[in-house]
Amino acid sequence: MATCEVCGNDYWMAFEVRTVSGDVHTFDSFECAAHKLAPICEHCQVKIIGHGVEVGGRFFCCAHCARAVEALGAEIRDAVGARPV
């Protein structure tokens, strides 16, 4: 069994998440994984569980939040499939 790094639950169905940077995390639920790894919207402070949007290297939960903070509305794009340059 493995122990969730967020809640400490020792669970036989725990799973690992490996990040791009090579870090390995162990969780017992998607809820704990999202709590630990999901980025936070820079406008409304919610966890970004869906695609979100990126403007100028900053992450937002939606285009509305991005436009509320960033003047670069034309640069709003879906983060799916985007790769850093």
C-alpha atoms as a PDB file:
ATOM      1  CA  MET A   1       0.000   0.000   0.000  1.00  0.00           C
ATOM      2  CA  ALA A   2       1.016   3.600  -0.452  1.00  0.00           C
ATOM      3  CA  THR A   3       0.313   6.720   1.578  1.00  0.00           C
ATOM      4  CA  CYS A   4      -1.318   9.795   0.044  1.00  0.00           C
ATOM      5  CA  GLU A   5       0.985  12.801   0.433  1.00  0.00           C
ATOM      6  CA  VAL A   6      -1.977  15.166   0.947  1.00  0.00           C
ATOM      7  CA  CYS A   7      -4.286  13.407   3.414  1.00  0.00           C
ATOM      8  CA  GLY A   8      -2.038  10.646   4.742  1.00  0.00           C
ATOM      9  CA  ASN A   9      -4.473   7.853   3.880  1.00  0.00           C
ATOM     10  CA  ASP A  10      -2.765   4.473   3.434  1.00  0.00           C
ATOM     11  CA  TYR A  11      -4.715   3.066   0.485  1.00  0.00           C
ATOM     12  CA  TRP A  12      -4.237  -0.048  -1.622  1.00  0.00           C
ATOM     13  CA  MET A  13      -5.429   1.753  -4.781  1.00  0.00           C
ATOM     14  CA  ALA A  14      -3.153   4.792  -4.409  1.00  0.00           C
ATOM     15  CA  PHE A  15      -1.564   6.021  -7.632  1.00  0.00           C
ATOM     16  CA  GLU A  16       1.465   8.011  -8.730  1.00  0.00           C
ATOM     17  CA  VAL A  17       1.582  11.170 -10.824  1.00  0.00           C
ATOM     18  CA  ARG A  18       4.836  12.038 -12.567  1.00  0.00           C
ATOM     19  CA  THR A  19       5.301  15.667 -13.568  1.00  0.00           C
ATOM     20  CA  VAL A  20       7.221  17.109 -16.502  1.00  0.00           C
ATOM     21  CA  SER A  21       9.956  18.184 -14.092  1.00  0.00           C
ATOM     22  CA  GLY A  22      10.404  14.563 -12.979  1.00  0.00           C
ATOM     23  CA  ASP A  23       8.724  14.859  -9.581  1.00  0.00           C
ATOM     24  CA  VAL A  24       6.694  11.846  -8.449  1.00  0.00           C
ATOM     25  CA  HIS A  25       3.633  12.289  -6.216  1.00  0.00           C
ATOM     26  CA  THR A  26       1.434   9.656  -4.568  1.00  0.00           C
ATOM     27  CA  PHE A  27      -2.293  10.208  -4.031  1.00  0.00           C
ATOM     28  CA  ASP A  28      -5.295   8.196  -2.928  1.00  0.00           C
ATOM     29  CA  SER A  29      -7.824  10.227  -4.963  1.00  0.00           C
ATOM     30  CA  PHE A  30      -8.108  12.702  -7.809  1.00  0.00           C
ATOM     31  CA  GLU A  31      -9.354  15.199  -5.234  1.00  0.00           C
ATOM     32  CA  CYS A  32      -6.031  15.089  -3.382  1.00  0.00           C
ATOM     33  CA  ALA A  33      -4.076  15.200  -6.658  1.00  0.00           C
ATOM     34  CA  ALA A  34      -5.993  18.312  -7.776  1.00  0.00           C
ATOM     35  CA  HIS A  35      -5.540  19.928  -4.371  1.00  0.00           C
ATOM     36  CA  LYS A  36      -1.767  19.507  -4.595  1.00  0.00           C
ATOM     37  CA  LEU A  37      -1.047  19.975  -8.312  1.00  0.00           C
ATOM     38  CA  ALA A  38      -3.737  22.116  -9.953  1.00  0.00           C
ATOM     39  CA  PRO A  39      -2.705  25.686 -10.729  1.00  0.00           C
ATOM     40  CA  ILE A  40      -4.693  28.536  -9.178  1.00  0.00           C
ATOM     41  CA  CYS A  41      -6.516  31.179 -11.244  1.00  0.00           C
ATOM     42  CA  GLU A  42      -4.725  34.493 -10.820  1.00  0.00           C
ATOM     43  CA  HIS A  43      -8.032  36.377 -10.800  1.00  0.00           C
ATOM     44  CA  CYS A  44     -10.599  34.403  -8.782  1.00  0.00           C
ATOM     45  CA  GLN A  45      -8.199  32.028  -6.972  1.00  0.00           C
ATOM     46  CA  VAL A  46     -10.054  28.774  -7.830  1.00  0.00           C
ATOM     47  CA  LYS A  47      -8.148  25.609  -8.680  1.00  0.00           C
ATOM     48  CA  ILE A  48      -7.948  25.182 -12.455  1.00  0.00           C
ATOM     49  CA  ILE A  49      -9.188  21.647 -13.035  1.00  0.00           C
ATOM     50  CA  GLY A  50     -10.189  22.083 -16.691  1.00  0.00           C
ATOM     51  CA  HIS A  51      -8.231  23.505 -19.597  1.00  0.00           C
ATOM     52  CA  GLY A  52      -7.990  27.076 -18.391  1.00  0.00           C
ATOM     53  CA  VAL A  53      -6.311  29.806 -20.411  1.00  0.00           C
ATOM     54  CA  GLU A  54      -2.833  31.273 -20.430  1.00  0.00           C
ATOM     55  CA  VAL A  55      -1.965  34.896 -21.127  1.00  0.00           C
ATOM     56  CA  GLY A  56       1.556  36.206 -20.840  1.00  0.00           C
ATOM     57  CA  GLY A  57       2.683  33.182 -18.830  1.00  0.00           C
ATOM     58  CA  ARG A  58      -0.148  33.623 -16.292  1.00  0.00           C
ATOM     59  CA  PHE A  59      -2.921  31.043 -15.843  1.00  0.00           C
ATOM     60  CA  PHE A  60      -6.644  31.700 -15.478  1.00  0.00           C
ATOM     61  CA  CYS A  61      -9.646  29.408 -15.120  1.00  0.00           C
ATOM     62  CA  CYS A  62     -11.467  31.072 -18.043  1.00  0.00           C
ATOM     63  CA  ALA A  63     -11.213  33.825 -20.647  1.00  0.00           C
ATOM     64  CA  HIS A  64     -13.432  36.083 -18.524  1.00  0.00           C
ATOM     65  CA  CYS A  65     -10.940  36.020 -15.622  1.00  0.00           C
ATOM     66  CA  ALA A  66      -8.026  36.529 -18.010  1.00  0.00           C
ATOM     67  CA  ARG A  67      -9.679  39.590 -19.565  1.00  0.00           C
ATOM     68  CA  ALA A  68     -10.446  40.987 -16.107  1.00  0.00           C
ATOM     69  CA  VAL A  69      -6.730  41.041 -15.278  1.00  0.00           C
ATOM     70  CA  GLU A  70      -4.844  41.171 -18.591  1.00  0.00           C
ATOM     71  CA  ALA A  71      -5.208  43.821 -21.288  1.00  0.00           C
ATOM     72  CA  LEU A  72      -3.849  41.341 -23.827  1.00  0.00           C
ATOM     73  CA  GLY A  73      -7.258  39.826 -24.666  1.00  0.00           C
ATOM     74  CA  ALA A  74      -6.203  38.928 -28.187  1.00  0.00           C
ATOM     75  CA  GLU A  75      -3.554  36.602 -26.785  1.00  0.00           C
ATOM     76  CA  ILE A  76      -6.011  34.437 -24.856  1.00  0.00           C
ATOM     77  CA  ARG A  77      -5.649  30.839 -25.992  1.00  0.00           C
ATOM     78  CA  ASP A  78      -6.627  27.397 -24.832  1.00  0.00           C
ATOM     79  CA  ALA A  79      -3.772  25.731 -22.954  1.00  0.00           C
ATOM     80  CA  VAL A  80      -4.524  22.275 -24.391  1.00  0.00           C
ATOM     81  CA  GLY A  81      -1.718  21.169 -26.643  1.00  0.00           C
ATOM     82  CA  ALA A  82       0.303  24.299 -25.977  1.00  0.00           C
ATOM     83  CA  ARG A  83       3.965  23.730 -25.370  1.00  0.00           C
ATOM     84  CA  PRO A  84       6.359  26.239 -23.853  1.00  0.00           C
ATOM     85  CA  VAL A  85       8.762  27.743 -26.344  1.00  0.00           C
END
